[in-house]
Amino acid sequence: MGLRWTDVLDIAIELDEAHPDVDPLKVNFVDLRNWVVALPDFADDPEKTGEKILEAIQMHWIEERE
């Protein structure tokens, strides 16, 4: 079973592994959305997201770096 938009922590972990040289604070939501959709395990509707979900993913990604 693949990742869904609600799996914000798991998505953040995968993004951290896929983009180790990126500062999550500097990623805009368009790029963030595209990177999530491009994850090999992502299996949700790419259009079923919004700013709140992307913000939650970004916050978890920042926490992963701490």
N, C-alpha and C. Protein backbone atom coordinates (compact mmCIF):
# COMPACT_ATOMS: atom_id res chain seq x y z
N MET A 1 0.85 -1.18 0.00
CA MET A 1 0.00 0.00 0.00
C MET A 1 0.90 1.24 0.00
N GLY A 2 0.61 2.20 -0.85
CA GLY A 2 1.44 3.37 -1.01
C GLY A 2 1.08 4.51 -0.08
N LEU A 3 1.86 5.56 -0.20
CA LEU A 3 1.65 6.75 0.61
C LEU A 3 0.44 7.54 0.13
N ARG A 4 -0.28 8.09 1.10
CA ARG A 4 -1.41 8.95 0.81
C ARG A 4 -1.10 10.33 1.40
N TRP A 5 -1.84 11.33 0.98
CA TRP A 5 -1.59 12.70 1.48
C TRP A 5 -1.65 12.77 2.99
N THR A 6 -2.43 11.93 3.62
CA THR A 6 -2.56 11.97 5.08
C THR A 6 -1.35 11.38 5.80
N ASP A 7 -0.46 10.73 5.09
CA ASP A 7 0.74 10.14 5.69
C ASP A 7 1.87 11.17 5.75
N VAL A 8 1.58 12.30 6.38
CA VAL A 8 2.50 13.44 6.33
C VAL A 8 3.88 13.13 6.92
N LEU A 9 3.94 12.39 8.01
CA LEU A 9 5.23 12.07 8.61
C LEU A 9 6.04 11.14 7.70
N ASP A 10 5.41 10.11 7.18
CA ASP A 10 6.12 9.19 6.29
C ASP A 10 6.60 9.89 5.02
N ILE A 11 5.77 10.78 4.51
CA ILE A 11 6.16 11.56 3.33
C ILE A 11 7.37 12.43 3.66
N ALA A 12 7.34 13.08 4.82
CA ALA A 12 8.46 13.93 5.22
C ALA A 12 9.75 13.14 5.33
N ILE A 13 9.67 11.94 5.87
CA ILE A 13 10.86 11.09 6.00
C ILE A 13 11.39 10.73 4.62
N GLU A 14 10.51 10.36 3.71
CA GLU A 14 10.95 10.01 2.36
C GLU A 14 11.54 11.21 1.62
N LEU A 15 10.93 12.39 1.82
CA LEU A 15 11.48 13.60 1.20
C LEU A 15 12.87 13.91 1.75
N ASP A 16 13.05 13.72 3.04
CA ASP A 16 14.35 13.97 3.65
C ASP A 16 15.41 13.04 3.07
N GLU A 17 15.03 11.79 2.82
CA GLU A 17 15.96 10.84 2.23
C GLU A 17 16.21 11.14 0.75
N ALA A 18 15.18 11.59 0.05
CA ALA A 18 15.31 11.85 -1.38
C ALA A 18 16.02 13.17 -1.70
N HIS A 19 15.93 14.13 -0.77
CA HIS A 19 16.49 15.46 -1.01
C HIS A 19 17.32 15.91 0.20
N PRO A 20 18.41 15.20 0.48
CA PRO A 20 19.20 15.51 1.69
C PRO A 20 19.88 16.88 1.68
N ASP A 21 20.08 17.45 0.51
CA ASP A 21 20.78 18.73 0.43
C ASP A 21 19.85 19.93 0.36
N VAL A 22 18.55 19.69 0.48
CA VAL A 22 17.56 20.76 0.36
C VAL A 22 17.15 21.25 1.75
N ASP A 23 17.07 22.56 1.89
CA ASP A 23 16.57 23.15 3.13
C ASP A 23 15.04 23.19 3.03
N PRO A 24 14.32 22.40 3.85
CA PRO A 24 12.86 22.36 3.75
C PRO A 24 12.19 23.70 3.98
N LEU A 25 12.86 24.61 4.66
CA LEU A 25 12.29 25.94 4.89
C LEU A 25 12.23 26.77 3.60
N LYS A 26 13.05 26.40 2.63
CA LYS A 26 13.13 27.19 1.40
C LYS A 26 12.39 26.56 0.23
N VAL A 27 11.65 25.49 0.48
CA VAL A 27 10.91 24.82 -0.59
C VAL A 27 9.53 25.45 -0.72
N ASN A 28 9.19 25.86 -1.93
CA ASN A 28 7.84 26.41 -2.12
C ASN A 28 6.86 25.26 -2.29
N PHE A 29 5.58 25.56 -2.11
CA PHE A 29 4.57 24.50 -2.11
C PHE A 29 4.39 23.83 -3.47
N VAL A 30 4.66 24.54 -4.54
CA VAL A 30 4.56 23.93 -5.87
C VAL A 30 5.61 22.83 -6.02
N ASP A 31 6.85 23.15 -5.66
CA ASP A 31 7.92 22.15 -5.73
C ASP A 31 7.65 21.01 -4.75
N LEU A 32 7.22 21.35 -3.55
CA LEU A 32 6.94 20.34 -2.54
C LEU A 32 5.89 19.35 -3.05
N ARG A 33 4.82 19.86 -3.60
CA ARG A 33 3.77 19.00 -4.14
C ARG A 33 4.32 18.10 -5.23
N ASN A 34 5.10 18.66 -6.13
CA ASN A 34 5.67 17.88 -7.22
C ASN A 34 6.62 16.80 -6.72
N TRP A 35 7.40 17.12 -5.71
CA TRP A 35 8.32 16.13 -5.15
C TRP A 35 7.57 15.01 -4.45
N VAL A 36 6.49 15.34 -3.75
CA VAL A 36 5.69 14.30 -3.09
C VAL A 36 5.10 13.36 -4.14
N VAL A 37 4.50 13.93 -5.15
CA VAL A 37 3.87 13.13 -6.21
C VAL A 37 4.91 12.25 -6.91
N ALA A 38 6.15 12.70 -6.98
CA ALA A 38 7.21 11.95 -7.65
C ALA A 38 7.81 10.84 -6.79
N LEU A 39 7.47 10.80 -5.50
CA LEU A 39 7.99 9.73 -4.64
C LEU A 39 7.53 8.38 -5.16
N PRO A 40 8.43 7.38 -5.18
CA PRO A 40 8.07 6.07 -5.72
C PRO A 40 6.89 5.41 -4.99
N ASP A 41 6.75 5.67 -3.70
CA ASP A 41 5.68 5.04 -2.91
C ASP A 41 4.38 5.83 -2.90
N PHE A 42 4.35 6.99 -3.55
CA PHE A 42 3.14 7.82 -3.51
C PHE A 42 2.05 7.19 -4.37
N ALA A 43 0.86 7.03 -3.77
CA ALA A 43 -0.22 6.34 -4.47
C ALA A 43 -1.58 7.01 -4.25
N ASP A 44 -1.60 8.31 -4.15
CA ASP A 44 -2.84 9.03 -3.94
C ASP A 44 -3.11 9.92 -5.15
N ASP A 45 -4.27 10.53 -5.17
CA ASP A 45 -4.64 11.45 -6.25
C ASP A 45 -3.80 12.72 -6.10
N PRO A 46 -2.97 13.05 -7.08
CA PRO A 46 -2.11 14.23 -6.97
C PRO A 46 -2.87 15.53 -6.76
N GLU A 47 -4.12 15.58 -7.17
CA GLU A 47 -4.90 16.81 -7.04
C GLU A 47 -5.60 16.96 -5.70
N LYS A 48 -5.57 15.94 -4.87
CA LYS A 48 -6.31 15.98 -3.59
C LYS A 48 -5.42 16.46 -2.45
N THR A 49 -4.85 17.60 -2.62
CA THR A 49 -4.05 18.19 -1.55
C THR A 49 -4.36 19.68 -1.48
N GLY A 50 -3.84 20.29 -0.44
CA GLY A 50 -4.03 21.71 -0.26
C GLY A 50 -2.91 22.27 0.59
N GLU A 51 -3.00 23.54 0.85
CA GLU A 51 -1.94 24.23 1.59
C GLU A 51 -1.73 23.64 2.98
N LYS A 52 -2.79 23.26 3.67
CA LYS A 52 -2.65 22.72 5.03
C LYS A 52 -1.86 21.41 5.04
N ILE A 53 -2.14 20.54 4.10
CA ILE A 53 -1.42 19.27 4.04
C ILE A 53 0.04 19.51 3.69
N LEU A 54 0.29 20.35 2.70
CA LEU A 54 1.67 20.65 2.31
C LEU A 54 2.43 21.31 3.46
N GLU A 55 1.77 22.17 4.19
CA GLU A 55 2.39 22.82 5.34
C GLU A 55 2.73 21.79 6.41
N ALA A 56 1.85 20.84 6.65
CA ALA A 56 2.10 19.78 7.64
C ALA A 56 3.29 18.92 7.21
N ILE A 57 3.36 18.59 5.93
CA ILE A 57 4.50 17.82 5.43
C ILE A 57 5.79 18.60 5.63
N GLN A 58 5.77 19.89 5.29
CA GLN A 58 6.96 20.73 5.43
C GLN A 58 7.39 20.81 6.90
N MET A 59 6.45 20.96 7.81
CA MET A 59 6.79 21.05 9.23
C MET A 59 7.42 19.75 9.74
N HIS A 60 6.87 18.62 9.32
CA HIS A 60 7.46 17.34 9.72
C HIS A 60 8.85 17.16 9.12
N TRP A 61 9.03 17.62 7.90
CA TRP A 61 10.34 17.54 7.26
C TRP A 61 11.36 18.38 8.03
N ILE A 62 10.96 19.55 8.45
CA ILE A 62 11.84 20.41 9.25
C ILE A 62 12.20 19.71 10.56
N GLU A 63 11.22 19.09 11.19
CA GLU A 63 11.48 18.37 12.45
C GLU A 63 12.42 17.20 12.24
N GLU A 64 12.33 16.54 11.09
CA GLU A 64 13.24 15.43 10.79
C GLU A 64 14.69 15.89 10.75
N ARG A 65 14.91 17.14 10.40
CA ARG A 65 16.27 17.68 10.30
C ARG A 65 16.84 18.08 11.65
N GLU A 66 16.00 18.23 12.64
CA GLU A 66 16.48 18.69 13.96
C GLU A 66 17.10 17.57 14.75
